[in-house]
C-alpha atoms as a PDB file:
ATOM      1  CA  MET A   1     -57.846  73.882 -82.721  1.00  0.00           C
ATOM      2  CA  LEU A   2     -55.117  71.322 -82.489  1.00  0.00           C
ATOM      3  CA  GLN A   3     -53.712  71.727 -85.995  1.00  0.00           C
ATOM      4  CA  GLY A   4     -54.340  73.869 -89.058  1.00  0.00           C
ATOM      5  CA  ARG A   5     -57.041  76.500 -89.130  1.00  0.00           C
ATOM      6  CA  GLU A   6     -60.796  76.463 -89.324  1.00  0.00           C
ATOM      7  CA  TYR A   7     -63.214  79.067 -90.654  1.00  0.00           C
ATOM      8  CA  GLU A   8     -66.397  79.204 -88.565  1.00  0.00           C
ATOM      9  CA  GLU A   9     -69.726  80.899 -89.191  1.00  0.00           C
ATOM     10  CA  ILE A  10     -72.168  81.227 -86.283  1.00  0.00           C
ATOM     11  CA  PHE A  11     -75.898  81.593 -86.927  1.00  0.00           C
ATOM     12  CA  ALA A  12     -79.067  82.464 -85.031  1.00  0.00           C
ATOM     13  CA  LEU A  13     -82.617  81.515 -85.919  1.00  0.00           C
ATOM     14  CA  ALA A  14     -84.477  84.410 -87.553  1.00  0.00           C
ATOM     15  CA  ASP A  15     -87.936  85.119 -88.949  1.00  0.00           C
ATOM     16  CA  GLY A  16     -89.647  82.988 -86.317  1.00  0.00           C
ATOM     17  CA  GLY A  17     -87.401  80.007 -87.042  1.00  0.00           C
ATOM     18  CA  ARG A  18     -87.887  80.148 -90.819  1.00  0.00           C
ATOM     19  CA  ALA A  19     -84.366  81.390 -91.642  1.00  0.00           C
ATOM     20  CA  LEU A  20     -80.847  81.616 -90.297  1.00  0.00           C
ATOM     21  CA  GLU A  21     -79.028  84.876 -89.717  1.00  0.00           C
ATOM     22  CA  LEU A  22     -75.243  85.039 -89.809  1.00  0.00           C
ATOM     23  CA  VAL A  23     -74.117  86.645 -86.546  1.00  0.00           C
ATOM     24  CA  ALA A  24     -70.353  86.012 -86.430  1.00  0.00           C
ATOM     25  CA  ARG A  25     -67.394  84.811 -88.454  1.00  0.00           C
ATOM     26  CA  ASN A  26     -64.196  83.497 -86.873  1.00  0.00           C
ATOM     27  CA  VAL A  27     -60.887  82.179 -88.154  1.00  0.00           C
ATOM     28  CA  ASN A  28     -59.606  79.735 -85.557  1.00  0.00           C
ATOM     29  CA  PRO A  29     -55.864  79.000 -85.858  1.00  0.00           C
ATOM     30  CA  ALA A  30     -54.049  76.178 -84.075  1.00  0.00           C
ATOM     31  CA  GLY A  31     -54.226  76.817 -80.327  1.00  0.00           C
ATOM     32  CA  ALA A  32     -57.544  78.698 -80.464  1.00  0.00           C
ATOM     33  CA  VAL A  33     -60.259  77.773 -77.970  1.00  0.00           C
ATOM     34  CA  GLY A  34     -63.923  78.664 -78.354  1.00  0.00           C
ATOM     35  CA  GLY A  35     -67.231  77.626 -76.944  1.00  0.00           C
ATOM     36  CA  PHE A  36     -70.948  78.165 -77.025  1.00  0.00           C
ATOM     37  CA  ALA A  37     -74.106  76.605 -75.657  1.00  0.00           C
ATOM     38  CA  PRO A  38     -77.738  76.281 -76.706  1.00  0.00           C
ATOM     39  CA  PRO A  39     -79.631  78.093 -78.035  1.00  0.00           C
ATOM     40  CA  GLY A  40     -76.686  79.865 -79.738  1.00  0.00           C
ATOM     41  CA  ASP A  41     -74.981  76.755 -80.990  1.00  0.00           C
ATOM     42  CA  ILE A  42     -75.684  76.733 -84.711  1.00  0.00           C
ATOM     43  CA  ASP A  43     -72.458  76.859 -86.664  1.00  0.00           C
ATOM     44  CA  ARG A  44     -70.769  75.775 -89.869  1.00  0.00           C
ATOM     45  CA  VAL A  45     -67.030  75.129 -90.074  1.00  0.00           C
ATOM     46  CA  ARG A  46     -64.569  74.346 -92.832  1.00  0.00           C
ATOM     47  CA  ASN A  47     -60.852  74.008 -93.320  1.00  0.00           C
ATOM     48  CA  THR A  48     -59.499  77.134 -95.028  1.00  0.00           C
ATOM     49  CA  GLY A  49     -55.829  76.184 -94.876  1.00  0.00           C
ATOM     50  CA  ASP A  50     -53.584  74.156 -97.115  1.00  0.00           C
ATOM     51  CA  ASP A  51     -52.910  71.553 -94.415  1.00  0.00           C
ATOM     52  CA  VAL A  52     -55.061  69.094 -92.503  1.00  0.00           C
ATOM     53  CA  ALA A  53     -57.169  70.792 -89.814  1.00  0.00           C
ATOM     54  CA  VAL A  54     -57.786  68.961 -86.547  1.00  0.00           C
ATOM     55  CA  SER A  55     -60.220  70.240 -83.929  1.00  0.00           C
ATOM     56  CA  MET A  56     -61.400  68.723 -80.661  1.00  0.00           C
ATOM     57  CA  HIS A  57     -64.986  69.086 -79.478  1.00  0.00           C
ATOM     58  CA  VAL A  58     -65.992  68.633 -75.849  1.00  0.00           C
ATOM     59  CA  TYR A  59     -69.691  68.156 -75.051  1.00  0.00           C
ATOM     60  CA  GLY A  60     -71.551  68.560 -71.783  1.00  0.00           C
ATOM     61  CA  ALA A  61     -74.059  65.844 -72.584  1.00  0.00           C
ATOM     62  CA  ASP A  62     -73.974  62.078 -72.920  1.00  0.00           C
ATOM     63  CA  ILE A  63     -73.771  61.800 -76.713  1.00  0.00           C
ATOM     64  CA  SER A  64     -73.628  58.011 -76.456  1.00  0.00           C
ATOM     65  CA  ARG A  65     -77.228  58.273 -75.234  1.00  0.00           C
ATOM     66  CA  LEU A  66     -78.339  61.322 -77.229  1.00  0.00           C
ATOM     67  CA  GLY A  67     -76.661  60.462 -80.520  1.00  0.00           C
ATOM     68  CA  ASN A  68     -74.004  62.254 -82.500  1.00  0.00           C
ATOM     69  CA  SER A  69     -73.014  65.871 -82.140  1.00  0.00           C
ATOM     70  CA  ILE A  70     -75.376  67.020 -84.873  1.00  0.00           C
ATOM     71  CA  ARG A  71     -78.564  67.516 -82.930  1.00  0.00           C
ATOM     72  CA  ARG A  72     -80.406  69.040 -85.841  1.00  0.00           C
ATOM     73  CA  GLU A  73     -79.834  70.013 -89.413  1.00  0.00           C
ATOM     74  CA  TYR A  74     -81.082  73.391 -90.575  1.00  0.00           C
ATOM     75  CA  ALA A  75     -82.165  73.390 -94.224  1.00  0.00           C
ATOM     76  CA  LEU A  76     -83.154  77.057 -94.044  1.00  0.00           C
ATOM     77  CA  PRO A  77     -82.284  80.083 -96.148  1.00  0.00           C
ATOM     78  CA  ILE A  78     -79.463  82.207 -94.751  1.00  0.00           C
ATOM     79  CA  ARG A  79     -80.082  85.913 -94.406  1.00  0.00           C
ATOM     80  CA  PRO A  80     -77.048  88.164 -95.029  1.00  0.00           C
END
């Protein structure tokens, strides 16, 4: 995180790919560094502060060839 803070939820596929299971929650303040790789790279983030949040994402793939950073959208129910 470069500025502000970000709330992150990390998910795993569950029920044979028919649902998502919440596996971790993180609050990332300015200066925090995190990372993950497939297949454990399903997350949802949002700004939980009163100021602008700025994060930097570094990818190990050619996204100019593969497309944007959202490889897939999961419209699945979330298990608690």
